[in-house]
Amino acid sequence: MKTLKLLDSELVFGDNGPYTQQLLSNQLGKVVRYTLKPGQELDETHAPFMPRYFLVVKGQGVFISEDGNEATCGPDSLIIFDPREENSIKAIDEDLVVLGFLFWPTGG
């Protein structure tokens, strides 16, 4: 068993854009922690065969799908993007911490 603290005192935020920290990677995929300062935006590319899941841990963010749908989400929100669906994530007016659960198309 492995445990990780999602909101430790060592959160890093990039001055010039979102900061990405890989927390776990294995044969199935990876878990990534994204940290964004207010106003920063993370442009995600689509995953061709697998959905992507994002969990808001702290702050408020706007999640935008390729068709222009927007959802403002806060802590405890799970956002699901379909395979091939392009998306972006933007921090609103406070620091935003999001976990991304990203899967490999062939399991490794």
N, C-alpha and C. Protein backbone atom coordinates (compact mmCIF):
# COMPACT_ATOMS: atom_id res chain seq x y z
N MET A 1 0.85 -1.18 0.00
CA MET A 1 0.00 0.00 0.00
C MET A 1 0.89 1.23 0.00
N LYS A 2 0.41 2.25 -0.68
CA LYS A 2 1.11 3.52 -0.74
C LYS A 2 0.12 4.63 -0.43
N THR A 3 0.52 5.61 0.36
CA THR A 3 -0.35 6.75 0.65
C THR A 3 0.37 8.03 0.26
N LEU A 4 -0.40 9.00 -0.17
CA LEU A 4 0.13 10.30 -0.58
C LEU A 4 -0.69 11.41 0.03
N LYS A 5 -0.05 12.48 0.45
CA LYS A 5 -0.73 13.69 0.91
C LYS A 5 -0.98 14.57 -0.31
N LEU A 6 -2.21 14.95 -0.53
CA LEU A 6 -2.54 15.74 -1.71
C LEU A 6 -2.33 17.23 -1.50
N LEU A 7 -2.44 17.68 -0.27
CA LEU A 7 -2.26 19.10 0.04
C LEU A 7 -1.16 19.27 1.07
N ASP A 8 0.03 18.84 0.70
CA ASP A 8 1.14 19.00 1.64
C ASP A 8 1.67 20.42 1.61
N SER A 9 2.55 20.74 2.52
CA SER A 9 3.08 22.10 2.62
C SER A 9 4.05 22.43 1.50
N GLU A 10 4.36 21.46 0.65
CA GLU A 10 5.33 21.67 -0.42
C GLU A 10 4.67 21.88 -1.77
N LEU A 11 3.44 22.35 -1.80
CA LEU A 11 2.79 22.63 -3.08
C LEU A 11 3.60 23.68 -3.83
N VAL A 12 3.83 23.42 -5.11
CA VAL A 12 4.59 24.34 -5.95
C VAL A 12 3.66 24.93 -6.99
N PHE A 13 3.75 26.23 -7.18
CA PHE A 13 2.98 26.93 -8.19
C PHE A 13 3.95 27.63 -9.13
N GLY A 14 3.73 27.51 -10.43
CA GLY A 14 4.61 28.14 -11.40
C GLY A 14 4.28 29.61 -11.58
N ASP A 15 5.31 30.43 -11.73
CA ASP A 15 5.10 31.86 -11.96
C ASP A 15 4.67 32.15 -13.38
N ASN A 16 5.10 31.32 -14.32
CA ASN A 16 4.82 31.58 -15.74
C ASN A 16 3.76 30.66 -16.33
N GLY A 17 3.12 29.87 -15.50
CA GLY A 17 2.09 28.96 -15.98
C GLY A 17 1.85 27.85 -14.99
N PRO A 18 0.91 26.97 -15.28
CA PRO A 18 0.59 25.87 -14.37
C PRO A 18 1.80 24.99 -14.09
N TYR A 19 1.80 24.40 -12.91
CA TYR A 19 2.87 23.49 -12.52
C TYR A 19 2.30 22.07 -12.49
N THR A 20 3.04 21.13 -13.04
CA THR A 20 2.61 19.74 -13.12
C THR A 20 3.57 18.86 -12.33
N GLN A 21 3.02 18.02 -11.45
CA GLN A 21 3.84 17.10 -10.68
C GLN A 21 3.24 15.70 -10.80
N GLN A 22 4.02 14.78 -11.33
CA GLN A 22 3.57 13.39 -11.44
C GLN A 22 3.69 12.73 -10.07
N LEU A 23 2.58 12.24 -9.55
CA LEU A 23 2.56 11.61 -8.23
C LEU A 23 2.74 10.10 -8.31
N LEU A 24 2.28 9.52 -9.40
CA LEU A 24 2.32 8.07 -9.55
C LEU A 24 2.29 7.73 -11.04
N SER A 25 3.07 6.74 -11.41
CA SER A 25 3.02 6.23 -12.78
C SER A 25 3.25 4.73 -12.73
N ASN A 26 2.40 4.01 -13.46
CA ASN A 26 2.56 2.55 -13.52
C ASN A 26 2.09 2.06 -14.89
N GLN A 27 1.91 0.77 -15.04
CA GLN A 27 1.56 0.20 -16.33
C GLN A 27 0.16 0.59 -16.81
N LEU A 28 -0.69 1.08 -15.92
CA LEU A 28 -2.05 1.46 -16.30
C LEU A 28 -2.19 2.92 -16.68
N GLY A 29 -1.36 3.78 -16.10
CA GLY A 29 -1.46 5.21 -16.36
C GLY A 29 -0.71 6.00 -15.31
N LYS A 30 -1.18 7.22 -15.07
CA LYS A 30 -0.50 8.07 -14.09
C LYS A 30 -1.49 8.98 -13.39
N VAL A 31 -1.06 9.44 -12.22
CA VAL A 31 -1.80 10.44 -11.46
C VAL A 31 -0.92 11.68 -11.41
N VAL A 32 -1.49 12.81 -11.82
CA VAL A 32 -0.74 14.05 -11.92
C VAL A 32 -1.44 15.11 -11.07
N ARG A 33 -0.64 15.89 -10.33
CA ARG A 33 -1.19 17.02 -9.58
C ARG A 33 -0.86 18.29 -10.35
N TYR A 34 -1.90 19.03 -10.71
CA TYR A 34 -1.75 20.31 -11.39
C TYR A 34 -2.02 21.42 -10.39
N THR A 35 -1.14 22.41 -10.33
CA THR A 35 -1.37 23.57 -9.49
C THR A 35 -1.36 24.81 -10.38
N LEU A 36 -2.38 25.64 -10.20
CA LEU A 36 -2.53 26.85 -11.01
C LEU A 36 -2.80 28.04 -10.11
N LYS A 37 -2.15 29.14 -10.41
CA LYS A 37 -2.43 30.40 -9.74
C LYS A 37 -3.64 31.03 -10.42
N PRO A 38 -4.31 31.97 -9.73
CA PRO A 38 -5.47 32.64 -10.34
C PRO A 38 -5.13 33.19 -11.72
N GLY A 39 -6.03 32.89 -12.68
CA GLY A 39 -5.86 33.37 -14.04
C GLY A 39 -5.06 32.45 -14.94
N GLN A 40 -4.32 31.51 -14.38
CA GLN A 40 -3.54 30.59 -15.21
C GLN A 40 -4.47 29.56 -15.84
N GLU A 41 -4.08 29.09 -17.03
CA GLU A 41 -4.88 28.12 -17.76
C GLU A 41 -4.01 26.96 -18.22
N LEU A 42 -4.55 25.78 -18.09
CA LEU A 42 -3.88 24.56 -18.53
C LEU A 42 -4.61 24.05 -19.76
N ASP A 43 -3.90 24.06 -20.89
CA ASP A 43 -4.46 23.50 -22.12
C ASP A 43 -4.10 22.03 -22.17
N GLU A 44 -5.10 21.20 -22.15
CA GLU A 44 -4.89 19.76 -22.19
C GLU A 44 -5.10 19.26 -23.61
N THR A 45 -4.30 18.35 -24.03
CA THR A 45 -4.58 17.70 -25.30
C THR A 45 -5.50 16.52 -25.03
N HIS A 46 -6.16 16.08 -26.05
CA HIS A 46 -7.09 14.96 -25.88
C HIS A 46 -6.32 13.64 -25.81
N ALA A 47 -6.95 12.68 -25.20
CA ALA A 47 -6.41 11.32 -25.18
C ALA A 47 -7.19 10.53 -26.22
N PRO A 48 -6.52 9.91 -27.16
CA PRO A 48 -7.24 9.31 -28.28
C PRO A 48 -8.16 8.15 -27.94
N PHE A 49 -7.84 7.37 -26.91
CA PHE A 49 -8.63 6.17 -26.67
C PHE A 49 -9.22 6.06 -25.27
N MET A 50 -8.78 6.92 -24.35
CA MET A 50 -9.18 6.76 -22.96
C MET A 50 -9.79 8.05 -22.43
N PRO A 51 -10.76 7.94 -21.54
CA PRO A 51 -11.29 9.15 -20.89
C PRO A 51 -10.26 9.69 -19.90
N ARG A 52 -10.43 10.92 -19.49
CA ARG A 52 -9.58 11.52 -18.46
C ARG A 52 -10.47 12.00 -17.33
N TYR A 53 -9.99 11.81 -16.12
CA TYR A 53 -10.74 12.20 -14.94
C TYR A 53 -9.93 13.23 -14.17
N PHE A 54 -10.61 14.29 -13.72
CA PHE A 54 -9.97 15.32 -12.93
C PHE A 54 -10.76 15.51 -11.65
N LEU A 55 -10.05 15.60 -10.53
CA LEU A 55 -10.66 15.79 -9.23
C LEU A 55 -10.13 17.10 -8.64
N VAL A 56 -11.03 18.03 -8.34
CA VAL A 56 -10.62 19.29 -7.72
C VAL A 56 -10.38 19.04 -6.24
N VAL A 57 -9.18 19.38 -5.79
CA VAL A 57 -8.79 19.19 -4.40
C VAL A 57 -8.92 20.49 -3.62
N LYS A 58 -8.60 21.60 -4.28
CA LYS A 58 -8.61 22.91 -3.60
C LYS A 58 -8.87 24.00 -4.63
N GLY A 59 -9.66 25.00 -4.26
CA GLY A 59 -9.90 26.15 -5.12
C GLY A 59 -11.09 25.96 -6.05
N GLN A 60 -11.26 26.94 -6.92
CA GLN A 60 -12.34 26.92 -7.92
C GLN A 60 -11.71 27.03 -9.30
N GLY A 61 -12.23 26.24 -10.22
CA GLY A 61 -11.72 26.29 -11.58
C GLY A 61 -12.84 26.18 -12.59
N VAL A 62 -12.55 26.65 -13.80
CA VAL A 62 -13.48 26.50 -14.90
C VAL A 62 -12.92 25.42 -15.82
N PHE A 63 -13.73 24.42 -16.08
CA PHE A 63 -13.37 23.31 -16.95
C PHE A 63 -14.14 23.49 -18.24
N ILE A 64 -13.42 23.56 -19.35
CA ILE A 64 -14.02 23.89 -20.63
C ILE A 64 -13.80 22.74 -21.60
N SER A 65 -14.89 22.26 -22.19
CA SER A 65 -14.77 21.18 -23.17
C SER A 65 -14.62 21.78 -24.56
N GLU A 66 -14.27 20.93 -25.52
CA GLU A 66 -14.01 21.40 -26.88
C GLU A 66 -15.23 22.01 -27.54
N ASP A 67 -16.42 21.66 -27.09
CA ASP A 67 -17.63 22.23 -27.69
C ASP A 67 -18.08 23.52 -26.99
N GLY A 68 -17.23 24.02 -26.07
CA GLY A 68 -17.51 25.29 -25.42
C GLY A 68 -18.29 25.19 -24.13
N ASN A 69 -18.71 23.99 -23.73
CA ASN A 69 -19.38 23.84 -22.45
C ASN A 69 -18.42 24.16 -21.32
N GLU A 70 -18.88 24.92 -20.35
CA GLU A 70 -18.07 25.29 -19.20
C GLU A 70 -18.75 24.86 -17.92
N ALA A 71 -17.93 24.42 -16.97
CA ALA A 71 -18.44 24.07 -15.64
C ALA A 71 -17.48 24.66 -14.62
N THR A 72 -18.01 25.42 -13.69
CA THR A 72 -17.21 25.92 -12.59
C THR A 72 -17.29 24.90 -11.46
N CYS A 73 -16.13 24.41 -11.04
CA CYS A 73 -16.10 23.31 -10.07
C CYS A 73 -15.15 23.63 -8.94
N GLY A 74 -15.52 23.16 -7.75
CA GLY A 74 -14.70 23.33 -6.57
C GLY A 74 -14.35 21.99 -5.96
N PRO A 75 -13.83 22.02 -4.72
CA PRO A 75 -13.40 20.80 -4.05
C PRO A 75 -14.48 19.71 -4.06
N ASP A 76 -14.02 18.49 -4.22
CA ASP A 76 -14.87 17.30 -4.26
C ASP A 76 -15.61 17.14 -5.58
N SER A 77 -15.25 17.92 -6.59
CA SER A 77 -15.88 17.77 -7.91
C SER A 77 -15.03 16.85 -8.78
N LEU A 78 -15.70 15.93 -9.45
CA LEU A 78 -15.05 15.04 -10.40
C LEU A 78 -15.51 15.44 -11.79
N ILE A 79 -14.54 15.71 -12.67
CA ILE A 79 -14.83 16.13 -14.03
C ILE A 79 -14.34 15.02 -14.96
N ILE A 80 -15.18 14.61 -15.89
CA ILE A 80 -14.87 13.50 -16.78
C ILE A 80 -14.91 13.98 -18.23
N PHE A 81 -13.81 13.78 -18.92
CA PHE A 81 -13.75 14.10 -20.35
C PHE A 81 -13.67 12.79 -21.13
N ASP A 82 -14.45 12.72 -22.19
CA ASP A 82 -14.48 11.53 -23.04
C ASP A 82 -13.18 11.40 -23.84
N PRO A 83 -12.91 10.21 -24.35
CA PRO A 83 -11.77 10.05 -25.25
C PRO A 83 -11.87 11.04 -26.41
N ARG A 84 -10.75 11.57 -26.82
CA ARG A 84 -10.63 12.51 -27.94
C ARG A 84 -11.23 13.88 -27.65
N GLU A 85 -11.81 14.10 -26.46
CA GLU A 85 -12.42 15.39 -26.15
C GLU A 85 -11.35 16.34 -25.62
N GLU A 86 -11.06 17.37 -26.39
CA GLU A 86 -10.08 18.36 -25.95
C GLU A 86 -10.70 19.20 -24.85
N ASN A 87 -9.84 19.73 -23.98
CA ASN A 87 -10.35 20.48 -22.84
C ASN A 87 -9.30 21.47 -22.35
N SER A 88 -9.73 22.37 -21.50
CA SER A 88 -8.80 23.25 -20.80
C SER A 88 -9.34 23.47 -19.39
N ILE A 89 -8.41 23.89 -18.51
CA ILE A 89 -8.73 24.14 -17.10
C ILE A 89 -8.18 25.50 -16.75
N LYS A 90 -9.00 26.34 -16.11
CA LYS A 90 -8.55 27.68 -15.74
C LYS A 90 -8.87 27.97 -14.28
N ALA A 91 -7.86 28.47 -13.55
CA ALA A 91 -8.07 28.89 -12.17
C ALA A 91 -8.80 30.23 -12.18
N ILE A 92 -9.74 30.40 -11.28
CA ILE A 92 -10.55 31.62 -11.27
C ILE A 92 -9.86 32.70 -10.43
N ASP A 93 -10.19 32.78 -9.16
CA ASP A 93 -9.66 33.87 -8.34
C ASP A 93 -8.93 33.38 -7.09
N GLU A 94 -8.55 32.11 -7.09
CA GLU A 94 -7.77 31.56 -5.99
C GLU A 94 -6.91 30.41 -6.54
N ASP A 95 -5.92 29.99 -5.76
CA ASP A 95 -5.09 28.87 -6.18
C ASP A 95 -5.97 27.65 -6.43
N LEU A 96 -5.62 26.90 -7.46
CA LEU A 96 -6.38 25.71 -7.85
C LEU A 96 -5.46 24.50 -7.83
N VAL A 97 -5.90 23.44 -7.18
CA VAL A 97 -5.17 22.17 -7.15
C VAL A 97 -6.10 21.09 -7.68
N VAL A 98 -5.65 20.42 -8.74
CA VAL A 98 -6.45 19.41 -9.43
C VAL A 98 -5.62 18.16 -9.61
N LEU A 99 -6.24 17.00 -9.38
CA LEU A 99 -5.60 15.73 -9.70
C LEU A 99 -6.12 15.24 -11.04
N GLY A 100 -5.22 14.79 -11.88
CA GLY A 100 -5.59 14.19 -13.15
C GLY A 100 -5.29 12.70 -13.12
N PHE A 101 -6.28 11.91 -13.48
CA PHE A 101 -6.12 10.45 -13.57
C PHE A 101 -6.10 10.12 -15.06
N LEU A 102 -4.93 9.79 -15.57
CA LEU A 102 -4.72 9.64 -17.00
C LEU A 102 -4.26 8.22 -17.28
N PHE A 103 -4.88 7.59 -18.23
CA PHE A 103 -4.63 6.19 -18.50
C PHE A 103 -3.91 6.01 -19.82
N TRP A 104 -3.03 5.01 -19.88
CA TRP A 104 -2.34 4.68 -21.13
C TRP A 104 -3.32 3.95 -22.02
N PRO A 105 -3.27 4.18 -23.32
CA PRO A 105 -4.24 3.52 -24.21
C PRO A 105 -4.09 2.02 -24.29
N THR A 106 -2.90 1.49 -24.06
CA THR A 106 -2.69 0.05 -24.16
C THR A 106 -2.32 -0.58 -22.83
N GLY A 107 -2.48 0.18 -21.75
CA GLY A 107 -2.12 -0.36 -20.43
C GLY A 107 -0.63 -0.37 -20.20
N GLY A 108 0.12 0.52 -20.85
CA GLY A 108 1.56 0.60 -20.59
C GLY A 108 2.30 0.65 -21.80
